[in-house]
Amino acid sequence: MIRLAFVVSMSALLLAACGAPDPVTDAPAGGAEPAQETVLEAGAAEALTGREWTVSAINGAGVIEDAAPTIAFLPNGVTGVSGCNRFNGGYEADDASLSFGALATTRMACAGDRMDQERAFLTLLSRITQYETSEDGSELTLTTDDGRTITASR
């Protein structure tokens, strides 16, 4: 009985070790890319950080009123709500360019229309290459290389 408990314990320990990040490279196990670090130049910090942005349009289409995605740019990463689930990750920004690293999300299921909106938002967010803020800092437009946009305000 003790031998069986020992074998089960060691098996669990070995399985846990297989999924642990490599402490030398800081990369996740399985060869996945490490999360993108947040690099934020001074001008971008003033334009993006601060209060949370609330998305009003995804590629020109309005959002579900009680499920509007949000984005908060922090000095050490980005976080927000994608309409149903929460997300966070890294990003890089300078005066006009912006890119997001891999975003981690929770995995709750929501009504079909919310899930469709979330999928469109996260897909577009992963392809963003530039941003522009209004002169008063209240409006934000995120744009992909092919011209698709996410529009948000504070």
N, C-alpha and C. Protein backbone atom coordinates (compact mmCIF):
# COMPACT_ATOMS: atom_id res chain seq x y z
N MET A 1 0.82 -1.20 0.00
CA MET A 1 0.00 0.00 0.00
C MET A 1 0.86 1.26 0.00
N ILE A 2 1.92 1.25 0.83
CA ILE A 2 2.82 2.40 0.88
C ILE A 2 3.54 2.54 -0.45
N ARG A 3 3.93 1.40 -1.03
CA ARG A 3 4.62 1.43 -2.32
C ARG A 3 3.71 2.04 -3.40
N LEU A 4 2.42 1.71 -3.42
CA LEU A 4 1.48 2.25 -4.38
C LEU A 4 1.33 3.76 -4.19
N ALA A 5 1.23 4.21 -2.95
CA ALA A 5 1.12 5.64 -2.67
C ALA A 5 2.37 6.37 -3.16
N PHE A 6 3.54 5.79 -2.96
CA PHE A 6 4.79 6.39 -3.41
C PHE A 6 4.82 6.50 -4.93
N VAL A 7 4.42 5.44 -5.63
CA VAL A 7 4.42 5.44 -7.09
C VAL A 7 3.46 6.50 -7.62
N VAL A 8 2.28 6.60 -7.03
CA VAL A 8 1.29 7.59 -7.46
C VAL A 8 1.83 9.00 -7.20
N SER A 9 2.43 9.23 -6.05
CA SER A 9 2.98 10.54 -5.72
C SER A 9 4.09 10.94 -6.68
N MET A 10 4.99 10.01 -6.97
CA MET A 10 6.10 10.31 -7.87
C MET A 10 5.60 10.56 -9.30
N SER A 11 4.59 9.82 -9.73
CA SER A 11 4.02 10.02 -11.06
C SER A 11 3.42 11.42 -11.17
N ALA A 12 2.69 11.82 -10.15
CA ALA A 12 2.08 13.16 -10.15
C ALA A 12 3.17 14.23 -10.17
N LEU A 13 4.23 14.04 -9.42
CA LEU A 13 5.32 15.00 -9.38
C LEU A 13 6.01 15.11 -10.74
N LEU A 14 6.24 13.99 -11.39
CA LEU A 14 6.87 14.00 -12.71
C LEU A 14 5.98 14.67 -13.75
N LEU A 15 4.69 14.40 -13.71
CA LEU A 15 3.77 15.04 -14.65
C LEU A 15 3.73 16.54 -14.43
N ALA A 16 3.74 16.98 -13.18
CA ALA A 16 3.73 18.41 -12.89
C ALA A 16 5.01 19.07 -13.40
N ALA A 17 6.13 18.40 -13.25
CA ALA A 17 7.42 18.94 -13.70
C ALA A 17 7.46 19.07 -15.22
N CYS A 18 6.81 18.18 -15.92
CA CYS A 18 6.80 18.23 -17.38
C CYS A 18 6.09 19.47 -17.89
N GLY A 19 5.12 19.98 -17.18
CA GLY A 19 4.36 21.14 -17.63
C GLY A 19 4.89 22.45 -17.09
N ALA A 20 5.94 22.43 -16.27
CA ALA A 20 6.46 23.65 -15.67
C ALA A 20 7.30 24.43 -16.67
N PRO A 21 7.32 25.78 -16.57
CA PRO A 21 8.16 26.57 -17.45
C PRO A 21 9.63 26.25 -17.22
N ASP A 22 10.42 26.41 -18.25
CA ASP A 22 11.85 26.20 -18.15
C ASP A 22 12.45 27.39 -17.43
N PRO A 23 13.03 27.21 -16.24
CA PRO A 23 13.54 28.35 -15.49
C PRO A 23 14.73 29.02 -16.16
N VAL A 24 15.40 28.32 -17.05
CA VAL A 24 16.57 28.91 -17.71
C VAL A 24 16.14 29.88 -18.80
N THR A 25 15.19 29.45 -19.65
CA THR A 25 14.77 30.29 -20.77
C THR A 25 13.54 31.12 -20.46
N ASP A 26 12.85 30.81 -19.39
CA ASP A 26 11.62 31.48 -18.99
C ASP A 26 10.53 31.30 -20.03
N ALA A 27 10.69 30.29 -20.89
CA ALA A 27 9.67 29.99 -21.90
C ALA A 27 8.75 28.92 -21.35
N PRO A 28 7.48 28.95 -21.73
CA PRO A 28 6.57 27.90 -21.31
C PRO A 28 7.03 26.56 -21.86
N ALA A 29 6.65 25.49 -21.17
CA ALA A 29 7.00 24.15 -21.62
C ALA A 29 6.35 23.86 -22.96
N GLY A 30 6.90 22.90 -23.68
CA GLY A 30 6.30 22.50 -24.95
C GLY A 30 6.75 23.34 -26.12
N GLY A 31 7.76 24.21 -25.93
CA GLY A 31 8.30 24.98 -27.04
C GLY A 31 7.48 26.21 -27.40
N ALA A 32 6.47 26.57 -26.62
CA ALA A 32 5.67 27.75 -26.92
C ALA A 32 6.52 29.00 -26.73
N GLU A 33 6.15 30.05 -27.41
CA GLU A 33 6.87 31.31 -27.30
C GLU A 33 6.61 31.94 -25.94
N PRO A 34 7.61 32.60 -25.34
CA PRO A 34 7.37 33.30 -24.09
C PRO A 34 6.45 34.49 -24.34
N ALA A 35 5.74 34.93 -23.32
CA ALA A 35 4.84 36.06 -23.45
C ALA A 35 5.63 37.30 -23.84
N GLN A 36 5.05 38.15 -24.67
CA GLN A 36 5.70 39.37 -25.10
C GLN A 36 5.84 40.31 -23.91
N GLU A 37 7.01 40.89 -23.76
CA GLU A 37 7.21 41.85 -22.70
C GLU A 37 6.55 43.16 -23.10
N THR A 38 6.18 43.94 -22.11
CA THR A 38 5.59 45.24 -22.38
C THR A 38 6.70 46.27 -22.51
N VAL A 39 6.76 46.92 -23.65
CA VAL A 39 7.72 47.98 -23.90
C VAL A 39 6.90 49.22 -24.24
N LEU A 40 7.06 50.24 -23.44
CA LEU A 40 6.23 51.42 -23.56
C LEU A 40 7.10 52.66 -23.58
N GLU A 41 7.13 53.38 -24.70
CA GLU A 41 7.90 54.61 -24.77
C GLU A 41 7.11 55.73 -24.10
N ALA A 42 7.80 56.79 -23.70
CA ALA A 42 7.21 57.86 -22.91
C ALA A 42 5.95 58.46 -23.53
N GLY A 43 5.96 58.80 -24.82
CA GLY A 43 4.79 59.39 -25.45
C GLY A 43 3.59 58.46 -25.46
N ALA A 44 3.86 57.17 -25.66
CA ALA A 44 2.79 56.19 -25.67
C ALA A 44 2.17 56.05 -24.29
N ALA A 45 3.01 56.13 -23.26
CA ALA A 45 2.51 55.98 -21.89
C ALA A 45 1.45 57.03 -21.59
N GLU A 46 1.71 58.25 -21.99
CA GLU A 46 0.76 59.32 -21.73
C GLU A 46 -0.54 59.13 -22.51
N ALA A 47 -0.44 58.64 -23.73
CA ALA A 47 -1.61 58.50 -24.59
C ALA A 47 -2.46 57.28 -24.24
N LEU A 48 -1.83 56.16 -23.88
CA LEU A 48 -2.57 54.91 -23.69
C LEU A 48 -2.95 54.61 -22.24
N THR A 49 -2.03 54.86 -21.33
CA THR A 49 -2.29 54.48 -19.94
C THR A 49 -3.23 55.47 -19.26
N GLY A 50 -3.67 55.10 -18.10
CA GLY A 50 -4.62 55.93 -17.37
C GLY A 50 -5.92 55.16 -17.23
N ARG A 51 -6.99 55.87 -17.35
CA ARG A 51 -8.30 55.21 -17.23
C ARG A 51 -8.53 54.18 -18.32
N GLU A 52 -9.42 53.27 -18.03
CA GLU A 52 -9.79 52.18 -18.94
C GLU A 52 -10.50 52.73 -20.18
N TRP A 53 -10.25 52.09 -21.31
CA TRP A 53 -10.92 52.41 -22.57
C TRP A 53 -12.12 51.48 -22.74
N THR A 54 -13.25 52.01 -23.17
CA THR A 54 -14.44 51.20 -23.45
C THR A 54 -14.66 51.18 -24.95
N VAL A 55 -14.71 49.99 -25.52
CA VAL A 55 -14.85 49.83 -26.97
C VAL A 55 -16.28 50.18 -27.40
N SER A 56 -16.37 50.99 -28.47
CA SER A 56 -17.69 51.37 -29.00
C SER A 56 -17.95 50.76 -30.37
N ALA A 57 -16.88 50.35 -31.07
CA ALA A 57 -17.08 49.75 -32.40
C ALA A 57 -15.93 48.80 -32.70
N ILE A 58 -16.28 47.68 -33.35
CA ILE A 58 -15.31 46.70 -33.81
C ILE A 58 -15.46 46.62 -35.33
N ASN A 59 -14.46 47.15 -36.02
CA ASN A 59 -14.49 47.22 -37.48
C ASN A 59 -15.75 47.89 -38.00
N GLY A 60 -16.11 48.99 -37.35
CA GLY A 60 -17.25 49.78 -37.78
C GLY A 60 -18.60 49.35 -37.25
N ALA A 61 -18.69 48.16 -36.69
CA ALA A 61 -19.96 47.67 -36.14
C ALA A 61 -20.04 48.00 -34.65
N GLY A 62 -21.20 48.45 -34.23
CA GLY A 62 -21.40 48.75 -32.81
C GLY A 62 -21.27 47.50 -31.95
N VAL A 63 -21.11 47.70 -30.66
CA VAL A 63 -20.95 46.57 -29.74
C VAL A 63 -22.23 46.37 -28.93
N ILE A 64 -22.36 45.22 -28.35
CA ILE A 64 -23.50 44.92 -27.47
C ILE A 64 -23.37 45.81 -26.24
N GLU A 65 -24.38 46.60 -25.98
CA GLU A 65 -24.31 47.64 -24.95
C GLU A 65 -23.86 47.13 -23.58
N ASP A 66 -24.43 46.05 -23.11
CA ASP A 66 -24.06 45.56 -21.78
C ASP A 66 -22.91 44.55 -21.82
N ALA A 67 -22.22 44.47 -22.97
CA ALA A 67 -21.07 43.56 -23.11
C ALA A 67 -19.94 44.24 -23.88
N ALA A 68 -19.82 45.55 -23.72
CA ALA A 68 -18.77 46.28 -24.44
C ALA A 68 -17.40 45.87 -23.91
N PRO A 69 -16.50 45.49 -24.79
CA PRO A 69 -15.13 45.18 -24.36
C PRO A 69 -14.45 46.40 -23.75
N THR A 70 -13.50 46.16 -22.88
CA THR A 70 -12.70 47.23 -22.28
C THR A 70 -11.22 46.88 -22.41
N ILE A 71 -10.39 47.90 -22.40
CA ILE A 71 -8.93 47.72 -22.46
C ILE A 71 -8.30 48.69 -21.48
N ALA A 72 -7.41 48.18 -20.64
CA ALA A 72 -6.63 49.03 -19.73
C ALA A 72 -5.16 48.77 -20.00
N PHE A 73 -4.46 49.81 -20.43
CA PHE A 73 -3.02 49.72 -20.66
C PHE A 73 -2.32 50.10 -19.36
N LEU A 74 -1.55 49.18 -18.84
CA LEU A 74 -0.80 49.39 -17.62
C LEU A 74 0.68 49.45 -17.97
N PRO A 75 1.51 50.00 -17.10
CA PRO A 75 2.95 50.02 -17.40
C PRO A 75 3.54 48.62 -17.58
N ASN A 76 2.91 47.62 -16.97
CA ASN A 76 3.46 46.25 -17.06
C ASN A 76 2.61 45.29 -17.87
N GLY A 77 1.65 45.77 -18.63
CA GLY A 77 0.84 44.90 -19.46
C GLY A 77 -0.51 45.49 -19.78
N VAL A 78 -1.32 44.70 -20.44
CA VAL A 78 -2.67 45.12 -20.81
C VAL A 78 -3.65 44.14 -20.18
N THR A 79 -4.82 44.65 -19.81
CA THR A 79 -5.86 43.82 -19.23
C THR A 79 -7.21 44.37 -19.68
N GLY A 80 -8.23 43.57 -19.56
CA GLY A 80 -9.56 44.06 -19.92
C GLY A 80 -10.58 42.95 -19.96
N VAL A 81 -11.74 43.30 -20.50
CA VAL A 81 -12.83 42.36 -20.68
C VAL A 81 -13.14 42.33 -22.17
N SER A 82 -13.25 41.13 -22.71
CA SER A 82 -13.45 40.99 -24.16
C SER A 82 -14.93 40.86 -24.54
N GLY A 83 -15.80 41.15 -23.61
CA GLY A 83 -17.24 41.05 -23.85
C GLY A 83 -17.87 39.97 -23.00
N CYS A 84 -17.12 38.92 -22.75
CA CYS A 84 -17.57 37.81 -21.93
C CYS A 84 -16.48 37.43 -20.94
N ASN A 85 -15.27 37.29 -21.42
CA ASN A 85 -14.13 36.85 -20.61
C ASN A 85 -13.15 37.97 -20.34
N ARG A 86 -12.32 37.79 -19.34
CA ARG A 86 -11.24 38.71 -19.03
C ARG A 86 -10.00 38.29 -19.83
N PHE A 87 -9.14 39.25 -20.15
CA PHE A 87 -7.89 38.94 -20.83
C PHE A 87 -6.77 39.76 -20.22
N ASN A 88 -5.54 39.30 -20.44
CA ASN A 88 -4.36 40.07 -20.07
C ASN A 88 -3.18 39.59 -20.88
N GLY A 89 -2.16 40.40 -20.95
CA GLY A 89 -0.97 40.03 -21.70
C GLY A 89 -0.02 41.20 -21.82
N GLY A 90 0.93 41.07 -22.73
CA GLY A 90 1.92 42.11 -22.95
C GLY A 90 1.63 42.88 -24.22
N TYR A 91 2.27 44.02 -24.34
CA TYR A 91 2.15 44.82 -25.54
C TYR A 91 3.40 45.67 -25.71
N GLU A 92 3.61 46.17 -26.92
CA GLU A 92 4.68 47.10 -27.24
C GLU A 92 4.05 48.31 -27.90
N ALA A 93 4.49 49.50 -27.49
CA ALA A 93 3.94 50.72 -28.07
C ALA A 93 5.00 51.80 -28.13
N ASP A 94 4.93 52.61 -29.19
CA ASP A 94 5.71 53.84 -29.25
C ASP A 94 4.74 54.94 -29.67
N ASP A 95 5.21 55.97 -30.32
CA ASP A 95 4.35 57.11 -30.63
C ASP A 95 3.13 56.79 -31.48
N ALA A 96 3.21 55.78 -32.36
CA ALA A 96 2.07 55.45 -33.22
C ALA A 96 1.86 53.96 -33.42
N SER A 97 2.90 53.16 -33.22
CA SER A 97 2.74 51.73 -33.45
C SER A 97 2.39 51.01 -32.15
N LEU A 98 1.67 49.91 -32.30
CA LEU A 98 1.20 49.14 -31.15
C LEU A 98 1.06 47.69 -31.59
N SER A 99 1.54 46.79 -30.75
CA SER A 99 1.32 45.37 -31.02
C SER A 99 1.12 44.65 -29.69
N PHE A 100 0.35 43.60 -29.74
CA PHE A 100 0.04 42.82 -28.55
C PHE A 100 0.73 41.47 -28.64
N GLY A 101 1.19 40.98 -27.50
CA GLY A 101 1.71 39.63 -27.42
C GLY A 101 0.55 38.67 -27.28
N ALA A 102 0.85 37.43 -26.98
CA ALA A 102 -0.21 36.45 -26.76
C ALA A 102 -1.04 36.90 -25.56
N LEU A 103 -2.34 36.85 -25.71
CA LEU A 103 -3.24 37.25 -24.64
C LEU A 103 -3.82 36.02 -23.97
N ALA A 104 -3.79 36.01 -22.65
CA ALA A 104 -4.42 34.93 -21.88
C ALA A 104 -5.85 35.36 -21.58
N THR A 105 -6.79 34.43 -21.71
CA THR A 105 -8.18 34.74 -21.43
C THR A 105 -8.78 33.69 -20.50
N THR A 106 -9.81 34.12 -19.78
CA THR A 106 -10.59 33.14 -19.05
C THR A 106 -11.41 32.37 -20.07
N ARG A 107 -12.08 31.32 -19.67
CA ARG A 107 -12.77 30.46 -20.64
C ARG A 107 -14.25 30.26 -20.30
N MET A 108 -14.95 31.32 -19.94
CA MET A 108 -16.38 31.20 -19.66
C MET A 108 -17.15 31.20 -20.99
N ALA A 109 -18.25 30.51 -21.00
CA ALA A 109 -19.12 30.51 -22.17
C ALA A 109 -20.23 31.53 -21.94
N CYS A 110 -20.58 32.24 -22.99
CA CYS A 110 -21.66 33.23 -22.92
C CYS A 110 -22.60 32.99 -24.08
N ALA A 111 -23.66 33.80 -24.14
CA ALA A 111 -24.63 33.71 -25.23
C ALA A 111 -23.91 33.88 -26.57
N GLY A 112 -24.45 33.29 -27.61
CA GLY A 112 -23.82 33.26 -28.92
C GLY A 112 -23.39 34.61 -29.45
N ASP A 113 -24.24 35.65 -29.31
CA ASP A 113 -23.88 36.96 -29.85
C ASP A 113 -22.69 37.56 -29.10
N ARG A 114 -22.61 37.33 -27.80
CA ARG A 114 -21.46 37.82 -27.02
C ARG A 114 -20.18 37.08 -27.42
N MET A 115 -20.30 35.78 -27.64
CA MET A 115 -19.12 35.00 -28.04
C MET A 115 -18.65 35.43 -29.43
N ASP A 116 -19.58 35.71 -30.33
CA ASP A 116 -19.22 36.18 -31.68
C ASP A 116 -18.50 37.51 -31.59
N GLN A 117 -19.01 38.42 -30.77
CA GLN A 117 -18.38 39.73 -30.59
C GLN A 117 -16.99 39.56 -29.98
N GLU A 118 -16.88 38.72 -28.97
CA GLU A 118 -15.59 38.49 -28.32
C GLU A 118 -14.56 37.94 -29.30
N ARG A 119 -14.97 36.98 -30.10
CA ARG A 119 -14.07 36.37 -31.08
C ARG A 119 -13.59 37.43 -32.08
N ALA A 120 -14.49 38.27 -32.56
CA ALA A 120 -14.12 39.33 -33.51
C ALA A 120 -13.17 40.32 -32.85
N PHE A 121 -13.46 40.69 -31.61
CA PHE A 121 -12.61 41.65 -30.89
C PHE A 121 -11.20 41.10 -30.68
N LEU A 122 -11.10 39.89 -30.14
CA LEU A 122 -9.78 39.31 -29.86
C LEU A 122 -8.98 39.03 -31.13
N THR A 123 -9.66 38.60 -32.19
CA THR A 123 -8.98 38.37 -33.45
C THR A 123 -8.40 39.67 -33.99
N LEU A 124 -9.20 40.71 -33.98
CA LEU A 124 -8.74 42.01 -34.47
C LEU A 124 -7.64 42.57 -33.57
N LEU A 125 -7.80 42.44 -32.27
CA LEU A 125 -6.81 42.95 -31.32
C LEU A 125 -5.45 42.33 -31.58
N SER A 126 -5.42 41.05 -31.91
CA SER A 126 -4.14 40.37 -32.16
C SER A 126 -3.45 40.87 -33.42
N ARG A 127 -4.17 41.59 -34.28
CA ARG A 127 -3.60 42.06 -35.54
C ARG A 127 -3.35 43.57 -35.58
N ILE A 128 -3.56 44.23 -34.46
CA ILE A 128 -3.37 45.67 -34.39
C ILE A 128 -1.89 46.01 -34.60
N THR A 129 -1.64 47.06 -35.39
CA THR A 129 -0.26 47.50 -35.63
C THR A 129 -0.04 48.98 -35.31
N GLN A 130 -1.12 49.73 -35.19
CA GLN A 130 -0.98 51.16 -34.91
C GLN A 130 -2.16 51.69 -34.12
N TYR A 131 -1.96 52.84 -33.53
CA TYR A 131 -3.03 53.47 -32.77
C TYR A 131 -2.97 54.97 -32.96
N GLU A 132 -4.11 55.61 -32.67
CA GLU A 132 -4.19 57.06 -32.71
C GLU A 132 -5.17 57.50 -31.63
N THR A 133 -4.81 58.55 -30.92
CA THR A 133 -5.72 59.10 -29.91
C THR A 133 -6.16 60.49 -30.36
N SER A 134 -7.34 60.88 -29.90
CA SER A 134 -7.81 62.22 -30.20
C SER A 134 -6.95 63.23 -29.44
N GLU A 135 -7.01 64.47 -29.87
CA GLU A 135 -6.17 65.50 -29.24
C GLU A 135 -6.45 65.63 -27.75
N ASP A 136 -7.71 65.48 -27.34
CA ASP A 136 -8.03 65.60 -25.92
C ASP A 136 -7.84 64.29 -25.15
N GLY A 137 -7.42 63.22 -25.85
CA GLY A 137 -7.13 61.95 -25.19
C GLY A 137 -8.34 61.13 -24.81
N SER A 138 -9.52 61.48 -25.33
CA SER A 138 -10.73 60.76 -24.94
C SER A 138 -11.14 59.67 -25.93
N GLU A 139 -10.56 59.66 -27.13
CA GLU A 139 -10.90 58.68 -28.16
C GLU A 139 -9.64 57.93 -28.59
N LEU A 140 -9.79 56.64 -28.84
CA LEU A 140 -8.69 55.79 -29.26
C LEU A 140 -9.13 54.97 -30.47
N THR A 141 -8.31 54.94 -31.50
CA THR A 141 -8.56 54.09 -32.65
C THR A 141 -7.36 53.17 -32.82
N LEU A 142 -7.61 51.87 -32.79
CA LEU A 142 -6.61 50.85 -33.02
C LEU A 142 -6.81 50.33 -34.44
N THR A 143 -5.73 50.21 -35.22
CA THR A 143 -5.86 49.87 -36.63
C THR A 143 -4.92 48.73 -37.01
N THR A 144 -5.42 47.84 -37.87
CA THR A 144 -4.60 46.75 -38.42
C THR A 144 -3.93 47.24 -39.70
N ASP A 145 -3.00 46.44 -40.22
CA ASP A 145 -2.33 46.79 -41.48
C ASP A 145 -3.30 46.90 -42.64
N ASP A 146 -4.39 46.13 -42.60
CA ASP A 146 -5.35 46.18 -43.71
C ASP A 146 -6.51 47.15 -43.46
N GLY A 147 -6.39 48.01 -42.44
CA GLY A 147 -7.36 49.09 -42.24
C GLY A 147 -8.54 48.79 -41.33
N ARG A 148 -8.62 47.59 -40.78
CA ARG A 148 -9.72 47.30 -39.85
C ARG A 148 -9.44 48.00 -38.52
N THR A 149 -10.50 48.38 -37.80
CA THR A 149 -10.31 49.20 -36.60
C THR A 149 -11.13 48.72 -35.40
N ILE A 150 -10.63 49.11 -34.25
CA ILE A 150 -11.34 49.04 -32.99
C ILE A 150 -11.37 50.47 -32.47
N THR A 151 -12.56 50.96 -32.15
CA THR A 151 -12.72 52.32 -31.65
C THR A 151 -13.14 52.27 -30.19
N ALA A 152 -12.50 53.10 -29.37
CA ALA A 152 -12.81 53.10 -27.93
C ALA A 152 -12.76 54.53 -27.41
N SER A 153 -13.35 54.73 -26.24
CA SER A 153 -13.33 56.03 -25.59
C SER A 153 -13.20 55.85 -24.09
N ARG A 154 -12.89 56.95 -23.43
CA ARG A 154 -12.78 56.96 -21.96
C ARG A 154 -13.99 57.60 -21.39
